[in-house]
Amino acid sequence: MTSTIAITGASGLIGTALARHLRESGRRVVTFDRTGGSGPDSISWNPATGAIDADRLVGVDAVVHLAGAGIGDRRWSDDYKREILESRTKSTRLLASAMASTVGGPRVLLSGSAIGYYGESESATFVESSPAGKGFLADVCVEWEAATQPAEAAGIRVAHLRTGIVLSPRGGALKKLLPLFRLGLGGRMGSGRQWQSWISIDDEVAAIDHLLTSSVTGAVNLTAPTPVSQAEFTKTLARVLRRPAFVPVPAFGPKILLGSELADALLFTGQKVLPSVLERDGFRFAHSDLESALRHLLKK
């Protein structure tokens, strides 16, 4: 029997690639719709108002929850920071509660999170058992993961997808960097010592698919096993594109454009994160080193 997977955030970078992969491999994909759509492969919901058509969850085998306001979409005003938090916690709590109360509903919830959970460090190495760090993104991740509690209490298998920097030419950080690097204007950000824990979009999707049928619960780091410094990331991308990357980007420029807090979180700090749970569970990365990943993604 074909399994049925429901996805929130199915129009985003990861959701789009995941839905395509699942359909191509013969699974039925159901998406969540905030516009009130009621097609056979959609579930109507509105996390802001607490509305969800829970009856549509009957017959769904698993839910992959990827929805949430974009971290880097706008400057971090107080209002937008609240939106970043509540778009994650409210939607997760609504979904987990609906799953817990639906007879014949999904028994697996793979819920989005991020490696921002660990805070920032240039010296520490983080695995899933590492404690939460400090700062806005760490606080968001802690509350985001806690919001799955209703599903866990109902015996649903829950895994938290602590995702790193997802590399794809179609979106995210890599898409934003490519025009500058192709012009030979790329360079390291700040000191270049900050860690970049990355994963190719192909391995991100494959890891989520792996976890759909695994027995893993709790935190799972979705990062490649070879994080690199920002300086090494810059050098490798420039080499793959056969372009120079000599001029460092001073911190003051992005901080003026993005605001100091957002620029620090996205560009000038990082964390060295290893995928210990995935590797222990037998997952094999297609792209375990950065250069091979970039050459595959950019067809170089």
C-alpha atoms as a PDB file:
ATOM      1  CA  MET A   1       0.000   0.000   0.000  1.00  0.00           C
ATOM      2  CA  THR A   2       1.260   3.474  -0.873  1.00  0.00           C
ATOM      3  CA  SER A   3       2.036   5.477   2.242  1.00  0.00           C
ATOM      4  CA  THR A   4       0.591   8.955   2.671  1.00  0.00           C
ATOM      5  CA  ILE A   5       2.797  11.791   3.949  1.00  0.00           C
ATOM      6  CA  ALA A   6       1.444  15.221   4.897  1.00  0.00           C
ATOM      7  CA  ILE A   7       3.774  18.230   4.677  1.00  0.00           C
ATOM      8  CA  THR A   8       3.471  21.735   6.111  1.00  0.00           C
ATOM      9  CA  GLY A   9       5.625  24.362   4.435  1.00  0.00           C
ATOM     10  CA  ALA A  10       5.435  22.332   1.229  1.00  0.00           C
ATOM     11  CA  SER A  11       6.071  25.404  -0.940  1.00  0.00           C
ATOM     12  CA  GLY A  12       9.400  26.215   0.741  1.00  0.00           C
ATOM     13  CA  LEU A  13      12.855  25.140  -0.383  1.00  0.00           C
ATOM     14  CA  ILE A  14      12.947  21.890   1.588  1.00  0.00           C
ATOM     15  CA  GLY A  15       9.228  21.167   1.318  1.00  0.00           C
ATOM     16  CA  THR A  16       9.191  21.492  -2.470  1.00  0.00           C
ATOM     17  CA  ALA A  17      12.150  19.138  -2.888  1.00  0.00           C
ATOM     18  CA  LEU A  18      10.746  16.663  -0.358  1.00  0.00           C
ATOM     19  CA  ALA A  19       7.286  16.562  -1.941  1.00  0.00           C
ATOM     20  CA  ARG A  20       8.781  15.971  -5.387  1.00  0.00           C
ATOM     21  CA  HIS A  21      11.010  13.179  -4.058  1.00  0.00           C
ATOM     22  CA  LEU A  22       8.168  11.444  -2.241  1.00  0.00           C
ATOM     23  CA  ARG A  23       5.841  11.584  -5.239  1.00  0.00           C
ATOM     24  CA  GLU A  24       8.549  10.281  -7.553  1.00  0.00           C
ATOM     25  CA  SER A  25       9.107   7.347  -5.199  1.00  0.00           C
ATOM     26  CA  GLY A  26       5.422   6.437  -5.204  1.00  0.00           C
ATOM     27  CA  ARG A  27       4.191   8.038  -2.014  1.00  0.00           C
ATOM     28  CA  ARG A  28       1.033  10.136  -1.800  1.00  0.00           C
ATOM     29  CA  VAL A  29       1.696  13.690  -0.601  1.00  0.00           C
ATOM     30  CA  VAL A  30      -0.896  15.805   1.195  1.00  0.00           C
ATOM     31  CA  THR A  31      -0.169  19.485   1.816  1.00  0.00           C
ATOM     32  CA  PHE A  32      -1.525  21.927   4.374  1.00  0.00           C
ATOM     33  CA  ASP A  33      -3.419  24.904   2.936  1.00  0.00           C
ATOM     34  CA  ARG A  34      -4.032  28.211   4.759  1.00  0.00           C
ATOM     35  CA  THR A  35      -6.402  29.485   2.048  1.00  0.00           C
ATOM     36  CA  GLY A  36      -9.229  27.100   2.903  1.00  0.00           C
ATOM     37  CA  GLY A  37      -8.560  24.681   0.072  1.00  0.00           C
ATOM     38  CA  SER A  38     -10.393  21.384   0.341  1.00  0.00           C
ATOM     39  CA  GLY A  39      -8.975  19.237  -2.440  1.00  0.00           C
ATOM     40  CA  PRO A  40      -8.339  15.511  -1.936  1.00  0.00           C
ATOM     41  CA  ASP A  41      -4.659  16.138  -1.273  1.00  0.00           C
ATOM     42  CA  SER A  42      -4.914  19.189   0.962  1.00  0.00           C
ATOM     43  CA  ILE A  43      -5.714  19.887   4.609  1.00  0.00           C
ATOM     44  CA  SER A  44      -7.135  23.251   5.579  1.00  0.00           C
ATOM     45  CA  TRP A  45      -5.574  24.936   8.597  1.00  0.00           C
ATOM     46  CA  ASN A  46      -4.863  28.334  10.116  1.00  0.00           C
ATOM     47  CA  PRO A  47      -2.346  28.245  12.972  1.00  0.00           C
ATOM     48  CA  ALA A  48      -2.978  31.901  13.818  1.00  0.00           C
ATOM     49  CA  THR A  49      -6.620  31.163  14.677  1.00  0.00           C
ATOM     50  CA  GLY A  50      -6.132  27.583  15.848  1.00  0.00           C
ATOM     51  CA  ALA A  51      -8.256  26.107  13.031  1.00  0.00           C
ATOM     52  CA  ILE A  52      -7.446  22.764  11.440  1.00  0.00           C
ATOM     53  CA  ASP A  53      -9.494  20.196   9.525  1.00  0.00           C
ATOM     54  CA  ALA A  54      -8.315  17.305  11.705  1.00  0.00           C
ATOM     55  CA  ASP A  55     -10.607  14.806   9.978  1.00  0.00           C
ATOM     56  CA  ARG A  56      -8.314  15.032   6.964  1.00  0.00           C
ATOM     57  CA  LEU A  57      -5.527  13.522   9.040  1.00  0.00           C
ATOM     58  CA  VAL A  58      -7.305  10.161   9.079  1.00  0.00           C
ATOM     59  CA  GLY A  59      -5.388   7.776   6.827  1.00  0.00           C
ATOM     60  CA  VAL A  60      -2.218   9.895   6.842  1.00  0.00           C
ATOM     61  CA  ASP A  61       0.812   7.854   7.943  1.00  0.00           C
ATOM     62  CA  ALA A  62       3.225  10.646   8.895  1.00  0.00           C
ATOM     63  CA  VAL A  63       3.521  14.417   9.020  1.00  0.00           C
ATOM     64  CA  VAL A  64       6.621  16.436   8.156  1.00  0.00           C
ATOM     65  CA  HIS A  65       6.230  19.876   9.707  1.00  0.00           C
ATOM     66  CA  LEU A  66       8.397  22.515   8.013  1.00  0.00           C
ATOM     67  CA  ALA A  67       6.282  25.683   8.271  1.00  0.00           C
ATOM     68  CA  GLY A  68       7.518  28.886   9.879  1.00  0.00           C
ATOM     69  CA  ALA A  69       8.287  32.530   9.070  1.00  0.00           C
ATOM     70  CA  GLY A  70      11.647  32.949   7.339  1.00  0.00           C
ATOM     71  CA  ILE A  71      14.505  33.702   9.728  1.00  0.00           C
ATOM     72  CA  GLY A  72      16.293  35.977   7.281  1.00  0.00           C
ATOM     73  CA  ASP A  73      13.323  37.405   5.393  1.00  0.00           C
ATOM     74  CA  ARG A  74      13.223  40.726   7.268  1.00  0.00           C
ATOM     75  CA  ARG A  75      15.110  42.790   9.823  1.00  0.00           C
ATOM     76  CA  TRP A  76      14.491  41.541  13.327  1.00  0.00           C
ATOM     77  CA  SER A  77      12.088  44.051  14.798  1.00  0.00           C
ATOM     78  CA  ASP A  78      10.355  43.036  18.017  1.00  0.00           C
ATOM     79  CA  ASP A  79       7.200  42.304  16.016  1.00  0.00           C
ATOM     80  CA  TYR A  80       9.000  40.121  13.487  1.00  0.00           C
ATOM     81  CA  LYS A  81      10.863  38.202  16.188  1.00  0.00           C
ATOM     82  CA  ARG A  82       7.478  37.472  17.746  1.00  0.00           C
ATOM     83  CA  GLU A  83       6.226  36.266  14.351  1.00  0.00           C
ATOM     84  CA  ILE A  84       9.255  33.996  13.934  1.00  0.00           C
ATOM     85  CA  LEU A  85       8.556  32.407  17.314  1.00  0.00           C
ATOM     86  CA  GLU A  86       4.773  32.175  17.166  1.00  0.00           C
ATOM     87  CA  SER A  87       4.651  30.922  13.561  1.00  0.00           C
ATOM     88  CA  ARG A  88       6.578  27.915  14.833  1.00  0.00           C
ATOM     89  CA  THR A  89       5.149  27.305  18.284  1.00  0.00           C
ATOM     90  CA  LYS A  90       1.492  27.891  17.442  1.00  0.00           C
ATOM     91  CA  SER A  91       1.565  25.763  14.296  1.00  0.00           C
ATOM     92  CA  THR A  92       3.474  22.955  16.029  1.00  0.00           C
ATOM     93  CA  ARG A  93       1.190  22.904  19.056  1.00  0.00           C
ATOM     94  CA  LEU A  94      -1.924  22.940  16.838  1.00  0.00           C
ATOM     95  CA  LEU A  95      -0.617  20.118  14.690  1.00  0.00           C
ATOM     96  CA  ALA A  96       0.595  17.998  17.621  1.00  0.00           C
ATOM     97  CA  SER A  97      -2.729  18.398  19.442  1.00  0.00           C
ATOM     98  CA  ALA A  98      -4.739  17.506  16.333  1.00  0.00           C
ATOM     99  CA  MET A  99      -2.618  14.411  15.725  1.00  0.00           C
ATOM    100  CA  ALA A 100      -2.972  13.358  19.363  1.00  0.00           C
ATOM    101  CA  SER A 101      -6.756  13.556  19.241  1.00  0.00           C
ATOM    102  CA  THR A 102      -7.337  11.974  15.817  1.00  0.00           C
ATOM    103  CA  VAL A 103      -8.255   8.293  15.797  1.00  0.00           C
ATOM    104  CA  GLY A 104      -6.677   6.646  12.749  1.00  0.00           C
ATOM    105  CA  GLY A 105      -4.357   9.596  12.227  1.00  0.00           C
ATOM    106  CA  PRO A 106      -0.594   9.744  11.696  1.00  0.00           C
ATOM    107  CA  ARG A 107       1.723   8.057  14.188  1.00  0.00           C
ATOM    108  CA  VAL A 108       4.898   9.863  13.134  1.00  0.00           C
ATOM    109  CA  LEU A 109       5.730  13.571  13.398  1.00  0.00           C
ATOM    110  CA  LEU A 110       8.996  14.897  11.988  1.00  0.00           C
ATOM    111  CA  SER A 111       8.997  18.458  13.252  1.00  0.00           C
ATOM    112  CA  GLY A 112      11.308  21.202  12.062  1.00  0.00           C
ATOM    113  CA  SER A 113      13.970  22.731  14.263  1.00  0.00           C
ATOM    114  CA  ALA A 114      17.444  24.153  13.638  1.00  0.00           C
ATOM    115  CA  ILE A 115      21.034  23.968  14.796  1.00  0.00           C
ATOM    116  CA  GLY A 116      20.544  27.430  16.249  1.00  0.00           C
ATOM    117  CA  TYR A 117      19.388  25.390  19.263  1.00  0.00           C
ATOM    118  CA  TYR A 118      23.040  25.103  20.342  1.00  0.00           C
ATOM    119  CA  GLY A 119      23.869  28.809  20.302  1.00  0.00           C
ATOM    120  CA  GLU A 120      27.149  29.966  18.788  1.00  0.00           C
ATOM    121  CA  SER A 121      30.731  28.889  19.416  1.00  0.00           C
ATOM    122  CA  GLU A 122      34.043  28.824  17.563  1.00  0.00           C
ATOM    123  CA  SER A 123      35.503  26.094  19.780  1.00  0.00           C
ATOM    124  CA  ALA A 124      32.783  23.642  20.857  1.00  0.00           C
ATOM    125  CA  THR A 125      31.499  20.621  18.916  1.00  0.00           C
ATOM    126  CA  PHE A 126      27.789  19.907  19.261  1.00  0.00           C
ATOM    127  CA  VAL A 127      25.875  16.636  19.045  1.00  0.00           C
ATOM    128  CA  GLU A 128      22.232  15.951  19.818  1.00  0.00           C
ATOM    129  CA  SER A 129      22.851  15.498  23.542  1.00  0.00           C
ATOM    130  CA  SER A 130      24.528  18.916  23.846  1.00  0.00           C
ATOM    131  CA  PRO A 131      22.571  21.441  25.929  1.00  0.00           C
ATOM    132  CA  ALA A 132      20.695  24.386  24.498  1.00  0.00           C
ATOM    133  CA  GLY A 133      22.673  27.555  23.983  1.00  0.00           C
ATOM    134  CA  LYS A 134      21.786  31.175  24.579  1.00  0.00           C
ATOM    135  CA  GLY A 135      20.287  33.816  22.345  1.00  0.00           C
ATOM    136  CA  PHE A 136      17.121  34.423  20.377  1.00  0.00           C
ATOM    137  CA  LEU A 137      17.434  31.499  17.941  1.00  0.00           C
ATOM    138  CA  ALA A 138      18.292  29.051  20.708  1.00  0.00           C
ATOM    139  CA  ASP A 139      15.260  30.197  22.690  1.00  0.00           C
ATOM    140  CA  VAL A 140      13.040  29.815  19.609  1.00  0.00           C
ATOM    141  CA  CYS A 141      14.271  26.271  18.994  1.00  0.00           C
ATOM    142  CA  VAL A 142      13.698  25.247  22.610  1.00  0.00           C
ATOM    143  CA  GLU A 143      10.081  26.466  22.564  1.00  0.00           C
ATOM    144  CA  TRP A 144       9.534  25.088  19.044  1.00  0.00           C
ATOM    145  CA  GLU A 145      10.583  21.591  20.073  1.00  0.00           C
ATOM    146  CA  ALA A 146       8.607  21.732  23.334  1.00  0.00           C
ATOM    147  CA  ALA A 147       5.439  22.454  21.347  1.00  0.00           C
ATOM    148  CA  THR A 148       5.343  18.845  20.082  1.00  0.00           C
ATOM    149  CA  GLN A 149       4.586  17.607  23.618  1.00  0.00           C
ATOM    150  CA  PRO A 150       0.886  16.758  22.981  1.00  0.00           C
ATOM    151  CA  ALA A 151       1.897  14.335  20.226  1.00  0.00           C
ATOM    152  CA  GLU A 152       4.643  12.754  22.327  1.00  0.00           C
ATOM    153  CA  ALA A 153       2.251  12.321  25.252  1.00  0.00           C
ATOM    154  CA  ALA A 154      -0.147  10.480  22.935  1.00  0.00           C
ATOM    155  CA  GLY A 155       2.551   7.964  21.965  1.00  0.00           C
ATOM    156  CA  ILE A 156       3.261   9.425  18.536  1.00  0.00           C
ATOM    157  CA  ARG A 157       6.887   9.050  17.430  1.00  0.00           C
ATOM    158  CA  VAL A 158       8.370  12.547  17.270  1.00  0.00           C
ATOM    159  CA  ALA A 159      11.750  13.566  15.867  1.00  0.00           C
ATOM    160  CA  HIS A 160      13.067  17.137  15.844  1.00  0.00           C
ATOM    161  CA  LEU A 161      14.860  18.015  12.604  1.00  0.00           C
ATOM    162  CA  ARG A 162      17.722  20.270  13.726  1.00  0.00           C
ATOM    163  CA  THR A 163      18.660  21.425  10.253  1.00  0.00           C
ATOM    164  CA  GLY A 164      21.852  23.240   9.324  1.00  0.00           C
ATOM    165  CA  ILE A 165      22.595  25.431   6.296  1.00  0.00           C
ATOM    166  CA  VAL A 166      20.794  23.720   3.399  1.00  0.00           C
ATOM    167  CA  LEU A 167      22.738  24.110   0.157  1.00  0.00           C
ATOM    168  CA  SER A 168      20.712  24.460  -3.025  1.00  0.00           C
ATOM    169  CA  PRO A 169      21.074  26.746  -6.051  1.00  0.00           C
ATOM    170  CA  ARG A 170      17.290  27.160  -5.917  1.00  0.00           C
ATOM    171  CA  GLY A 171      17.111  28.945  -2.595  1.00  0.00           C
ATOM    172  CA  GLY A 172      18.614  29.692   0.783  1.00  0.00           C
ATOM    173  CA  ALA A 173      22.131  30.964   1.447  1.00  0.00           C
ATOM    174  CA  LEU A 174      23.790  29.440  -1.621  1.00  0.00           C
ATOM    175  CA  LYS A 175      21.381  31.056  -4.076  1.00  0.00           C
ATOM    176  CA  LYS A 176      22.064  34.459  -2.475  1.00  0.00           C
ATOM    177  CA  LEU A 177      25.831  33.979  -2.631  1.00  0.00           C
ATOM    178  CA  LEU A 178      26.122  32.715  -6.194  1.00  0.00           C
ATOM    179  CA  PRO A 179      25.686  36.020  -8.097  1.00  0.00           C
ATOM    180  CA  LEU A 180      28.467  37.709  -6.102  1.00  0.00           C
ATOM    181  CA  PHE A 181      30.849  34.769  -6.364  1.00  0.00           C
ATOM    182  CA  ARG A 182      30.224  34.339 -10.094  1.00  0.00           C
ATOM    183  CA  LEU A 183      31.258  37.969 -10.538  1.00  0.00           C
ATOM    184  CA  GLY A 184      34.413  37.357  -8.537  1.00  0.00           C
ATOM    185  CA  LEU A 185      33.135  39.590  -5.723  1.00  0.00           C
ATOM    186  CA  GLY A 186      32.730  36.936  -3.051  1.00  0.00           C
ATOM    187  CA  GLY A 187      34.787  36.834   0.098  1.00  0.00           C
ATOM    188  CA  ARG A 188      34.854  35.516   3.623  1.00  0.00           C
ATOM    189  CA  MET A 189      32.502  37.072   6.155  1.00  0.00           C
ATOM    190  CA  GLY A 190      34.177  38.791   9.072  1.00  0.00           C
ATOM    191  CA  SER A 191      36.953  36.736  10.666  1.00  0.00           C
ATOM    192  CA  GLY A 192      36.060  33.585   8.698  1.00  0.00           C
ATOM    193  CA  ARG A 193      36.572  31.466  11.816  1.00  0.00           C
ATOM    194  CA  GLN A 194      32.856  30.917  12.410  1.00  0.00           C
ATOM    195  CA  TRP A 195      31.659  27.388  11.697  1.00  0.00           C
ATOM    196  CA  GLN A 196      29.317  26.515   8.815  1.00  0.00           C
ATOM    197  CA  SER A 197      27.415  23.292   9.448  1.00  0.00           C
ATOM    198  CA  TRP A 198      25.902  22.570   6.047  1.00  0.00           C
ATOM    199  CA  ILE A 199      23.940  19.859   4.243  1.00  0.00           C
ATOM    200  CA  SER A 200      23.104  19.424   0.560  1.00  0.00           C
ATOM    201  CA  ILE A 201      19.412  19.614  -0.358  1.00  0.00           C
ATOM    202  CA  ASP A 202      19.661  16.034  -1.642  1.00  0.00           C
ATOM    203  CA  ASP A 203      20.909  14.723   1.695  1.00  0.00           C
ATOM    204  CA  GLU A 204      18.379  16.851   3.597  1.00  0.00           C
ATOM    205  CA  VAL A 205      15.540  15.211   1.681  1.00  0.00           C
ATOM    206  CA  ALA A 206      17.090  11.739   1.901  1.00  0.00           C
ATOM    207  CA  ALA A 207      17.590  12.107   5.666  1.00  0.00           C
ATOM    208  CA  ILE A 208      13.955  13.111   6.186  1.00  0.00           C
ATOM    209  CA  ASP A 209      12.837  10.140   4.083  1.00  0.00           C
ATOM    210  CA  HIS A 210      15.107   7.883   6.161  1.00  0.00           C
ATOM    211  CA  LEU A 211      13.559   9.176   9.376  1.00  0.00           C
ATOM    212  CA  LEU A 212      10.024   8.506   8.144  1.00  0.00           C
ATOM    213  CA  THR A 213      10.603   4.781   8.547  1.00  0.00           C
ATOM    214  CA  SER A 214      13.260   4.816  11.264  1.00  0.00           C
ATOM    215  CA  SER A 215      12.559   4.292  14.961  1.00  0.00           C
ATOM    216  CA  VAL A 216      14.504   7.429  15.954  1.00  0.00           C
ATOM    217  CA  THR A 217      12.899   9.846  18.409  1.00  0.00           C
ATOM    218  CA  GLY A 218      14.032  13.190  19.765  1.00  0.00           C
ATOM    219  CA  ALA A 219      16.662  15.489  18.316  1.00  0.00           C
ATOM    220  CA  VAL A 220      18.357  14.679  15.002  1.00  0.00           C
ATOM    221  CA  ASN A 221      21.046  16.919  13.518  1.00  0.00           C
ATOM    222  CA  LEU A 222      20.566  17.291   9.773  1.00  0.00           C
ATOM    223  CA  THR A 223      24.078  18.382   8.851  1.00  0.00           C
ATOM    224  CA  ALA A 224      26.869  16.837   6.810  1.00  0.00           C
ATOM    225  CA  PRO A 225      29.618  15.124   8.841  1.00  0.00           C
ATOM    226  CA  THR A 226      32.262  17.673   7.728  1.00  0.00           C
ATOM    227  CA  PRO A 227      31.421  21.208   8.877  1.00  0.00           C
ATOM    228  CA  VAL A 228      33.856  23.873   7.689  1.00  0.00           C
ATOM    229  CA  SER A 229      34.928  27.346   8.735  1.00  0.00           C
ATOM    230  CA  GLN A 230      33.349  30.232   6.876  1.00  0.00           C
ATOM    231  CA  ALA A 231      36.747  31.003   5.321  1.00  0.00           C
ATOM    232  CA  GLU A 232      36.994  27.419   4.041  1.00  0.00           C
ATOM    233  CA  PHE A 233      33.434  27.572   2.721  1.00  0.00           C
ATOM    234  CA  THR A 234      34.283  30.748   0.814  1.00  0.00           C
ATOM    235  CA  LYS A 235      37.512  29.313  -0.597  1.00  0.00           C
ATOM    236  CA  THR A 236      35.792  26.100  -1.704  1.00  0.00           C
ATOM    237  CA  LEU A 237      32.874  27.840  -3.407  1.00  0.00           C
ATOM    238  CA  ALA A 238      35.265  30.171  -5.247  1.00  0.00           C
ATOM    239  CA  ARG A 239      37.394  27.202  -6.369  1.00  0.00           C
ATOM    240  CA  VAL A 240      34.368  25.308  -7.682  1.00  0.00           C
ATOM    241  CA  LEU A 241      33.225  28.391  -9.606  1.00  0.00           C
ATOM    242  CA  ARG A 242      36.806  29.146 -10.763  1.00  0.00           C
ATOM    243  CA  ARG A 243      36.588  32.663  -9.434  1.00  0.00           C
ATOM    244  CA  PRO A 244      38.774  34.654  -7.042  1.00  0.00           C
ATOM    245  CA  ALA A 245      37.600  35.378  -3.505  1.00  0.00           C
ATOM    246  CA  PHE A 246      40.197  37.683  -2.040  1.00  0.00           C
ATOM    247  CA  VAL A 247      38.272  40.524  -0.450  1.00  0.00           C
ATOM    248  CA  PRO A 248      36.782  39.858   2.996  1.00  0.00           C
ATOM    249  CA  VAL A 249      33.342  41.297   3.705  1.00  0.00           C
ATOM    250  CA  PRO A 250      33.577  43.624   6.717  1.00  0.00           C
ATOM    251  CA  ALA A 251      30.935  43.183   9.382  1.00  0.00           C
ATOM    252  CA  PHE A 252      29.632  46.747   9.276  1.00  0.00           C
ATOM    253  CA  GLY A 253      28.063  46.462   5.789  1.00  0.00           C
ATOM    254  CA  PRO A 254      25.693  43.535   6.431  1.00  0.00           C
ATOM    255  CA  LYS A 255      24.950  44.901   9.917  1.00  0.00           C
ATOM    256  CA  ILE A 256      23.749  48.161   8.365  1.00  0.00           C
ATOM    257  CA  LEU A 257      21.614  46.301   5.810  1.00  0.00           C
ATOM    258  CA  LEU A 258      20.222  43.545   8.039  1.00  0.00           C
ATOM    259  CA  GLY A 259      20.553  44.912  11.533  1.00  0.00           C
ATOM    260  CA  SER A 260      23.263  43.840  13.950  1.00  0.00           C
ATOM    261  CA  GLU A 261      21.407  40.956  15.630  1.00  0.00           C
ATOM    262  CA  LEU A 262      20.264  39.283  12.400  1.00  0.00           C
ATOM    263  CA  ALA A 263      23.646  39.761  10.686  1.00  0.00           C
ATOM    264  CA  ASP A 264      25.461  38.216  13.637  1.00  0.00           C
ATOM    265  CA  ALA A 265      23.069  35.247  13.751  1.00  0.00           C
ATOM    266  CA  LEU A 266      23.206  34.495  10.024  1.00  0.00           C
ATOM    267  CA  LEU A 267      26.684  35.560   8.917  1.00  0.00           C
ATOM    268  CA  PHE A 268      29.193  36.214  11.659  1.00  0.00           C
ATOM    269  CA  THR A 269      28.581  33.424  14.152  1.00  0.00           C
ATOM    270  CA  GLY A 270      28.065  29.691  13.790  1.00  0.00           C
ATOM    271  CA  GLN A 271      28.400  26.305  15.394  1.00  0.00           C
ATOM    272  CA  LYS A 272      30.195  23.045  14.631  1.00  0.00           C
ATOM    273  CA  VAL A 273      27.447  20.397  14.581  1.00  0.00           C
ATOM    274  CA  LEU A 274      27.824  16.671  13.866  1.00  0.00           C
ATOM    275  CA  PRO A 275      25.052  14.267  12.736  1.00  0.00           C
ATOM    276  CA  SER A 276      25.736  11.577  15.333  1.00  0.00           C
ATOM    277  CA  VAL A 277      22.166  10.213  15.510  1.00  0.00           C
ATOM    278  CA  LEU A 278      21.780   9.915  11.731  1.00  0.00           C
ATOM    279  CA  GLU A 279      25.112   8.150  11.328  1.00  0.00           C
ATOM    280  CA  ARG A 280      24.423   5.813  14.235  1.00  0.00           C
ATOM    281  CA  ASP A 281      21.064   4.964  12.624  1.00  0.00           C
ATOM    282  CA  GLY A 282      22.789   3.872   9.420  1.00  0.00           C
ATOM    283  CA  PHE A 283      22.153   6.880   7.207  1.00  0.00           C
ATOM    284  CA  ARG A 284      24.731   7.327   4.446  1.00  0.00           C
ATOM    285  CA  PHE A 285      25.420  10.779   3.070  1.00  0.00           C
ATOM    286  CA  ALA A 286      25.636  11.192  -0.704  1.00  0.00           C
ATOM    287  CA  HIS A 287      27.690  14.354  -0.204  1.00  0.00           C
ATOM    288  CA  SER A 288      29.840  14.232   2.897  1.00  0.00           C
ATOM    289  CA  ASP A 289      32.404  16.848   1.854  1.00  0.00           C
ATOM    290  CA  LEU A 290      31.691  20.392   0.745  1.00  0.00           C
ATOM    291  CA  GLU A 291      33.508  20.428  -2.584  1.00  0.00           C
ATOM    292  CA  SER A 292      31.771  17.323  -3.925  1.00  0.00           C
ATOM    293  CA  ALA A 293      28.432  18.692  -2.746  1.00  0.00           C
ATOM    294  CA  LEU A 294      28.947  22.028  -4.494  1.00  0.00           C
ATOM    295  CA  ARG A 295      30.191  20.399  -7.703  1.00  0.00           C
ATOM    296  CA  HIS A 296      27.091  18.192  -7.761  1.00  0.00           C
ATOM    297  CA  LEU A 297      24.688  21.031  -6.982  1.00  0.00           C
ATOM    298  CA  LEU A 298      26.276  23.412  -9.473  1.00  0.00           C
ATOM    299  CA  LYS A 299      27.091  20.684 -12.040  1.00  0.00           C
ATOM    300  CA  LYS A 300      30.765  21.628 -12.080  1.00  0.00           C
END
